[in-house]
Amino acid sequence: MPLHQTASYDPLTAMTQIRTSQVFEMLISLQGIVDSWKMQDLAEETKNALGDEFLTETTTLYRRLFICCIFAELAVDYPERDNVIGFIEYVRSLPLNELLFYLLGRWFPRESIPPDFNRELVEKLIEEHAEASEFRQMYPELTWIDDLASIRDNICRMWERYWNGFYRDKVADLRELLIRSMNEKQDYLEQHGGTALYREITGHDELPRPVPADMPITRIELIPLCHTPRNVYIFYGYGSAQVLYDCSMTEDRQRKADDYRTKSLAALKALADENRLKILKMISQNERLINGKRIAQKLDVSPSVVSRHLSQLKDAGLIEEFSTDKRNITYSFQISRLRALGQDIEAYIRA
């Protein structure tokens, strides 16, 4: 019987837990509705359930902070991962300086943000930080800090409405998909170890650098999400990392995405040449009438060059060959493939 020993010596294996989180699911799905065209279907469902005004108000509030996913930082230390209402009350009860600690990504020590903080203090913290330029890009303006109490009240109210009025019932239908994904990842963890699983999900070989520097990561949570605009989010710091991954990205969906990419690249490469575009135009104006020899004469190039162009256009699905006597080959322009190209690119980007 084969013996899988990876987990016994892989240090990430013992650190790794796989668990669901309705809290993160709620937060990331709402962020995706606000911030990504990739989740238009869920946005339409939300609008039908809660109305245009809800989406408009939520979008306005989220975009005040520029980094819409930053609200998920509020969930990293909340222990009851599936208790959404409890999480909302937890956020309501947070002191404002603690709230700000999370909304600044936990990059600044808690003690550096006193209860009587103000915007000027935060601007000074950013200016003195070793990565000040990066922070200025992330937070180009900080006027929202002046309204932090109001933002907290409004966002908690919106979360309650979204959860109670729509998303709680939606999540109930996702349980089978979540459980299947967790079981698959658990099997992978046991067979290949934590490092291989982390690489499989994130594409990275190493964990993020410790924040703070003296607190290396000792706990990794892998959390499947069903409605997310990105394949992976990693929230890390203070000894833990929460890896949120798109559990709807199955092997079959990945294969389809790869197929869309391959077909799109073939068509784009075929179109990225002036002579091939001229050939397509000739064929479209002479459907099943023009052959390679005639094309070569019109372009004033050798038949072998035209043959290579025609081969590339055919491989991309942009033309089709026809022959009645097995000697004279003519061509037809496949306009349907050109029309499908934009859809294939969009499908690949959405995947």
Protein backbone atom coordinates (compact mmCIF):
# COMPACT_ATOMS: atom_id res chain seq x y z
CA MET A 1 0.00 0.00 0.00
CA PRO A 2 1.42 3.47 -0.89
CA LEU A 3 2.53 5.55 2.06
CA HIS A 4 2.11 9.35 1.91
CA GLN A 5 4.65 10.85 4.27
CA THR A 6 4.61 14.48 3.09
CA ALA A 7 2.35 15.70 5.87
CA SER A 8 4.63 14.28 8.54
CA TYR A 9 7.52 16.62 7.75
CA ASP A 10 5.92 19.52 5.91
CA PRO A 11 5.74 22.37 8.45
CA LEU A 12 2.71 23.97 6.78
CA THR A 13 0.61 20.84 7.18
CA ALA A 14 0.25 21.19 10.93
CA MET A 15 -0.51 24.91 10.56
CA THR A 16 -3.31 24.46 8.04
CA GLN A 17 -7.03 24.36 8.81
CA ILE A 18 -9.82 24.19 6.25
CA ARG A 19 -13.10 25.73 7.33
CA THR A 20 -16.12 27.60 6.07
CA SER A 21 -16.90 31.19 6.94
CA GLN A 22 -20.28 32.73 6.25
CA VAL A 23 -18.82 35.98 7.58
CA PHE A 24 -16.11 36.17 4.91
CA GLU A 25 -18.57 34.87 2.30
CA MET A 26 -20.95 37.73 3.09
CA LEU A 27 -18.22 40.38 3.14
CA ILE A 28 -16.47 39.35 -0.07
CA SER A 29 -19.68 38.76 -2.03
CA LEU A 30 -20.92 42.27 -1.21
CA GLN A 31 -17.53 43.75 -2.04
CA GLY A 32 -17.62 41.92 -5.37
CA ILE A 33 -21.07 43.27 -6.18
CA VAL A 34 -19.86 46.81 -5.51
CA ASP A 35 -16.42 46.59 -7.06
CA SER A 36 -16.46 44.15 -9.97
CA TRP A 37 -18.27 43.74 -13.26
CA LYS A 38 -17.51 40.01 -12.93
CA MET A 39 -20.40 39.61 -10.46
CA GLN A 40 -23.16 41.32 -12.41
CA ASP A 41 -25.53 38.37 -12.03
CA LEU A 42 -25.36 38.48 -8.22
CA ALA A 43 -25.64 42.27 -8.33
CA GLU A 44 -28.86 41.95 -10.35
CA GLU A 45 -30.27 39.45 -7.85
CA THR A 46 -29.37 41.78 -4.99
CA LYS A 47 -31.00 44.73 -6.74
CA ASN A 48 -34.18 42.73 -7.31
CA ALA A 49 -34.30 41.74 -3.64
CA LEU A 50 -33.20 44.99 -1.97
CA GLY A 51 -33.67 47.69 -4.60
CA ASP A 52 -31.48 50.11 -6.54
CA GLU A 53 -31.13 52.43 -3.57
CA PHE A 54 -29.39 49.75 -1.51
CA LEU A 55 -26.75 49.13 -4.18
CA THR A 56 -26.20 52.83 -4.78
CA GLU A 57 -25.76 53.60 -1.08
CA THR A 58 -23.52 50.59 -0.49
CA THR A 59 -21.35 51.41 -3.51
CA THR A 60 -20.91 55.01 -2.37
CA LEU A 61 -19.91 53.92 1.13
CA TYR A 62 -17.51 51.19 0.05
CA ARG A 63 -15.71 53.37 -2.44
CA ARG A 64 -15.02 56.02 0.15
CA LEU A 65 -12.32 53.70 1.49
CA PHE A 66 -10.90 52.99 -2.02
CA ILE A 67 -9.91 49.42 -1.07
CA CYS A 68 -13.29 47.71 -0.90
CA CYS A 69 -11.92 44.40 0.37
CA ILE A 70 -10.46 46.14 3.45
CA PHE A 71 -13.72 45.50 5.34
CA ALA A 72 -12.77 41.80 5.38
CA GLU A 73 -9.88 42.72 7.71
CA LEU A 74 -12.52 43.21 10.41
CA ALA A 75 -13.27 39.48 10.35
CA VAL A 76 -9.77 38.08 10.82
CA ASP A 77 -9.90 38.03 14.62
CA TYR A 78 -13.61 37.25 15.00
CA PRO A 79 -13.72 33.59 16.12
CA GLU A 80 -17.28 32.58 15.15
CA ARG A 81 -16.74 32.28 11.43
CA ASP A 82 -20.35 31.39 10.58
CA ASN A 83 -22.11 33.81 12.94
CA VAL A 84 -22.81 36.79 10.69
CA ILE A 85 -25.17 38.60 13.06
CA GLY A 86 -22.70 38.14 15.91
CA PHE A 87 -19.96 39.54 13.70
CA ILE A 88 -22.02 42.64 12.90
CA GLU A 89 -22.60 43.26 16.61
CA TYR A 90 -18.89 42.72 17.23
CA VAL A 91 -18.03 45.43 14.70
CA ARG A 92 -20.63 47.76 16.22
CA SER A 93 -18.99 47.35 19.61
CA LEU A 94 -15.40 47.95 18.45
CA PRO A 95 -13.82 51.16 19.76
CA LEU A 96 -13.15 53.50 16.86
CA ASN A 97 -9.37 53.29 17.24
CA GLU A 98 -9.61 49.49 17.08
CA LEU A 99 -11.84 49.77 14.03
CA LEU A 100 -9.28 52.01 12.37
CA PHE A 101 -6.51 49.55 13.20
CA TYR A 102 -8.25 46.98 10.99
CA LEU A 103 -9.29 49.38 8.24
CA LEU A 104 -5.64 50.40 7.87
CA GLY A 105 -4.83 46.75 7.20
CA ARG A 106 -3.24 46.10 10.65
CA TRP A 107 -0.03 47.65 9.32
CA PHE A 108 0.34 49.96 12.29
CA PRO A 109 0.63 48.78 15.91
CA ARG A 110 -2.58 49.03 17.92
CA GLU A 111 -0.89 51.26 20.47
CA SER A 112 0.04 53.77 17.76
CA ILE A 113 -3.66 54.62 17.26
CA PRO A 114 -4.95 56.14 20.53
CA PRO A 115 -8.65 56.60 21.35
CA ASP A 116 -8.38 60.33 20.61
CA PHE A 117 -6.82 59.82 17.15
CA ASN A 118 -7.43 62.24 14.30
CA ARG A 119 -6.71 62.36 10.59
CA GLU A 120 -3.48 64.31 11.06
CA LEU A 121 -2.09 61.59 13.34
CA VAL A 122 -2.87 58.91 10.76
CA GLU A 123 -1.27 60.96 7.98
CA LYS A 124 1.84 61.25 10.12
CA LEU A 125 1.88 57.48 10.75
CA ILE A 126 1.74 56.87 7.02
CA GLU A 127 4.48 59.39 6.24
CA GLU A 128 6.78 57.78 8.80
CA HIS A 129 6.14 54.24 7.61
CA ALA A 130 8.87 52.48 5.62
CA GLU A 131 6.37 51.88 2.79
CA ALA A 132 4.81 55.35 2.83
CA SER A 133 4.55 55.63 -0.97
CA GLU A 134 2.61 52.37 -1.19
CA PHE A 135 0.22 53.52 1.54
CA ARG A 136 -0.38 56.81 -0.23
CA GLN A 137 -1.43 54.84 -3.31
CA MET A 138 -3.70 52.63 -1.24
CA TYR A 139 -5.23 55.57 0.66
CA PRO A 140 -4.99 58.60 -1.65
CA GLU A 141 -7.16 60.58 0.73
CA LEU A 142 -8.22 60.05 4.33
CA THR A 143 -11.26 62.27 4.83
CA TRP A 144 -13.30 59.16 5.65
CA ILE A 145 -11.47 58.95 8.97
CA ASP A 146 -13.39 62.04 10.11
CA ASP A 147 -16.65 60.13 9.58
CA LEU A 148 -15.58 56.77 10.99
CA ALA A 149 -18.42 56.47 13.53
CA SER A 150 -21.01 57.16 10.84
CA ILE A 151 -19.31 54.74 8.42
CA ARG A 152 -19.40 51.99 11.05
CA ASP A 153 -23.10 52.54 11.76
CA ASN A 154 -24.04 52.63 8.09
CA ILE A 155 -21.98 49.64 7.04
CA CYS A 156 -23.37 47.51 9.87
CA ARG A 157 -26.89 48.51 8.87
CA MET A 158 -26.18 47.58 5.24
CA TRP A 159 -24.64 44.26 6.23
CA GLU A 160 -27.73 43.42 8.28
CA ARG A 161 -30.04 44.27 5.43
CA TYR A 162 -27.98 42.35 2.88
CA TRP A 163 -27.72 39.28 5.10
CA ASN A 164 -31.29 39.16 6.44
CA GLY A 165 -32.99 40.34 3.27
CA PHE A 166 -31.09 38.34 0.68
CA TYR A 167 -27.76 36.63 1.20
CA ARG A 168 -28.53 34.31 4.15
CA ASP A 169 -30.91 32.28 1.95
CA LYS A 170 -28.39 32.36 -0.88
CA VAL A 171 -25.65 30.90 1.31
CA ALA A 172 -27.89 28.04 2.40
CA ASP A 173 -27.92 26.79 -1.20
CA LEU A 174 -24.12 26.81 -1.39
CA ARG A 175 -23.39 24.32 1.37
CA GLU A 176 -22.93 21.29 -0.89
CA LEU A 177 -20.37 23.11 -3.03
CA LEU A 178 -18.47 24.34 0.03
CA ILE A 179 -18.35 20.90 1.66
CA ARG A 180 -17.18 19.25 -1.56
CA SER A 181 -14.40 21.78 -1.93
CA MET A 182 -13.30 21.36 1.68
CA ASN A 183 -13.18 17.58 1.30
CA GLU A 184 -11.11 17.88 -1.88
CA LYS A 185 -8.65 20.23 -0.22
CA GLN A 186 -8.43 18.03 2.88
CA ASP A 187 -7.59 15.00 0.71
CA TYR A 188 -4.94 17.05 -1.10
CA LEU A 189 -3.50 18.22 2.22
CA GLU A 190 -3.22 14.67 3.55
CA GLN A 191 -1.62 13.35 0.36
CA HIS A 192 0.72 16.19 -0.58
CA GLY A 193 1.17 18.37 2.49
CA GLY A 194 0.47 21.97 3.37
CA THR A 195 3.15 23.57 1.21
CA ALA A 196 1.87 21.89 -1.95
CA LEU A 197 -1.73 22.81 -1.11
CA TYR A 198 -0.77 26.42 -0.40
CA ARG A 199 1.02 26.57 -3.77
CA GLU A 200 -1.93 24.92 -5.51
CA ILE A 201 -4.34 27.56 -4.21
CA THR A 202 -2.23 30.73 -4.16
CA GLY A 203 0.45 30.10 -6.78
CA HIS A 204 3.11 31.05 -4.20
CA ASP A 205 5.82 28.86 -2.75
CA GLU A 206 6.34 30.94 0.38
CA LEU A 207 4.15 32.51 3.03
CA PRO A 208 3.87 36.31 3.22
CA ARG A 209 6.50 38.06 5.29
CA PRO A 210 5.60 38.37 8.99
CA VAL A 211 3.68 41.44 10.16
CA PRO A 212 4.91 42.47 12.68
CA ALA A 213 8.38 41.20 11.80
CA ASP A 214 8.73 39.28 15.08
CA MET A 215 5.46 37.33 14.66
CA PRO A 216 5.90 34.66 11.96
CA ILE A 217 2.81 32.92 10.63
CA THR A 218 1.93 29.82 12.64
CA ARG A 219 -1.71 29.33 11.58
CA ILE A 220 -3.20 29.15 8.10
CA GLU A 221 -6.94 29.06 7.47
CA LEU A 222 -8.12 27.97 4.03
CA ILE A 223 -11.63 29.30 3.51
CA PRO A 224 -13.71 28.43 0.41
CA LEU A 225 -15.90 31.15 -1.10
CA CYS A 226 -18.60 30.77 -3.72
CA HIS A 227 -19.16 34.39 -4.71
CA THR A 228 -15.87 36.21 -5.11
CA PRO A 229 -14.47 38.50 -7.83
CA ARG A 230 -10.96 37.13 -7.37
CA ASN A 231 -9.56 33.62 -7.28
CA VAL A 232 -7.61 34.24 -4.05
CA TYR A 233 -7.39 36.75 -1.21
CA ILE A 234 -4.71 36.49 1.49
CA PHE A 235 -5.16 38.43 4.73
CA TYR A 236 -2.19 38.01 7.01
CA GLY A 237 -0.54 39.36 10.10
CA TYR A 238 -0.03 38.76 13.82
CA GLY A 239 0.81 35.09 13.38
CA SER A 240 -2.03 33.99 11.09
CA ALA A 241 -3.04 33.99 7.45
CA GLN A 242 -6.55 33.69 6.07
CA VAL A 243 -6.52 32.37 2.51
CA LEU A 244 -9.89 32.88 0.85
CA TYR A 245 -10.21 30.97 -2.41
CA ASP A 246 -12.83 30.58 -5.12
CA CYS A 247 -14.23 27.09 -4.64
CA SER A 248 -16.26 27.33 -7.83
CA MET A 249 -12.98 27.20 -9.79
CA THR A 250 -13.20 23.46 -10.42
CA GLU A 251 -10.86 21.54 -12.71
CA ASP A 252 -13.57 21.53 -15.38
CA ARG A 253 -14.01 25.32 -15.11
CA GLN A 254 -10.24 25.78 -15.26
CA ARG A 255 -10.05 23.63 -18.39
CA LYS A 256 -12.76 25.74 -20.01
CA ALA A 257 -10.93 28.93 -19.04
CA ASP A 258 -7.72 27.56 -20.54
CA ASP A 259 -9.61 26.68 -23.72
CA TYR A 260 -11.04 30.21 -23.99
CA ARG A 261 -7.53 31.60 -23.55
CA THR A 262 -6.01 29.31 -26.17
CA LYS A 263 -8.71 30.05 -28.75
CA SER A 264 -8.57 33.79 -28.07
CA LEU A 265 -4.79 33.93 -28.40
CA ALA A 266 -4.87 31.99 -31.67
CA ALA A 267 -7.43 34.40 -33.13
CA LEU A 268 -5.67 37.52 -31.86
CA LYS A 269 -2.30 36.37 -33.21
CA ALA A 270 -3.89 35.56 -36.57
CA LEU A 271 -5.45 39.03 -36.72
CA ALA A 272 -2.26 40.82 -35.69
CA ASP A 273 -0.86 41.04 -39.19
CA GLU A 274 -1.75 43.48 -41.95
CA ASN A 275 -1.55 40.94 -44.76
CA ARG A 276 -3.74 38.45 -42.93
CA LEU A 277 -6.34 41.15 -42.39
CA LYS A 278 -6.23 41.93 -46.10
CA ILE A 279 -6.66 38.23 -46.84
CA LEU A 280 -9.72 38.07 -44.58
CA LYS A 281 -11.22 41.03 -46.38
CA MET A 282 -10.58 39.46 -49.79
CA ILE A 283 -12.16 36.19 -48.70
CA SER A 284 -15.18 37.94 -47.20
CA GLN A 285 -15.75 39.74 -50.51
CA ASN A 286 -15.23 36.59 -52.60
CA GLU A 287 -16.85 33.82 -50.56
CA ARG A 288 -15.84 30.39 -51.92
CA LEU A 289 -14.50 32.03 -55.07
CA ILE A 290 -10.95 33.07 -54.28
CA ASN A 291 -8.01 30.68 -53.96
CA GLY A 292 -4.49 31.00 -52.61
CA LYS A 293 -2.92 31.69 -56.00
CA ARG A 294 -5.25 34.62 -56.64
CA ILE A 295 -4.63 36.00 -53.15
CA ALA A 296 -0.87 35.85 -53.73
CA GLN A 297 -1.25 37.78 -56.99
CA LYS A 298 -3.35 40.50 -55.35
CA LEU A 299 -0.92 40.87 -52.43
CA ASP A 300 2.15 40.55 -54.64
CA VAL A 301 3.72 37.93 -52.37
CA SER A 302 4.79 34.33 -52.94
CA PRO A 303 2.21 31.50 -52.76
CA SER A 304 4.18 29.91 -49.90
CA VAL A 305 3.79 33.07 -47.78
CA VAL A 306 0.05 33.13 -48.49
CA SER A 307 -0.15 29.45 -47.62
CA ARG A 308 1.32 30.13 -44.18
CA HIS A 309 -1.11 33.02 -43.64
CA LEU A 310 -4.07 30.89 -44.69
CA SER A 311 -2.95 28.07 -42.41
CA GLN A 312 -2.83 30.41 -39.40
CA LEU A 313 -6.23 31.88 -40.20
CA LYS A 314 -7.68 28.40 -40.59
CA ASP A 315 -6.16 27.17 -37.31
CA ALA A 316 -7.73 30.18 -35.56
CA GLY A 317 -11.14 29.25 -36.96
CA LEU A 318 -11.41 32.48 -38.96
CA ILE A 319 -11.67 30.83 -42.38
CA GLU A 320 -12.87 27.52 -43.76
CA GLU A 321 -11.61 25.60 -46.79
CA PHE A 322 -13.80 24.33 -49.63
CA SER A 323 -12.89 22.08 -52.53
CA THR A 324 -15.11 20.58 -55.18
CA ASP A 325 -12.47 18.82 -57.24
CA LYS A 326 -9.72 18.29 -54.62
CA ARG A 327 -7.43 20.60 -56.57
CA ASN A 328 -8.91 24.07 -56.47
CA ILE A 329 -9.31 25.12 -52.80
CA THR A 330 -11.36 28.21 -52.01
CA TYR A 331 -12.17 29.86 -48.71
CA SER A 332 -15.02 31.23 -46.64
CA PHE A 333 -14.76 33.87 -43.90
CA GLN A 334 -16.12 32.61 -40.56
CA ILE A 335 -17.70 35.78 -39.18
CA SER A 336 -19.17 33.80 -36.28
CA ARG A 337 -15.67 33.14 -34.94
CA LEU A 338 -14.83 36.82 -35.04
CA ARG A 339 -18.05 37.68 -33.21
CA ALA A 340 -17.35 35.03 -30.59
CA LEU A 341 -13.84 36.32 -29.91
CA GLY A 342 -14.96 39.09 -27.55
CA GLN A 343 -17.19 36.63 -25.69
CA ASP A 344 -14.31 34.16 -25.32
CA ILE A 345 -12.01 36.86 -23.94
CA GLU A 346 -14.69 37.96 -21.50
CA ALA A 347 -15.33 34.34 -20.45
CA TYR A 348 -11.61 33.85 -19.78
CA ILE A 349 -11.38 37.06 -17.72
CA ARG A 350 -14.49 36.14 -15.74
CA ALA A 351 -13.20 32.64 -14.93
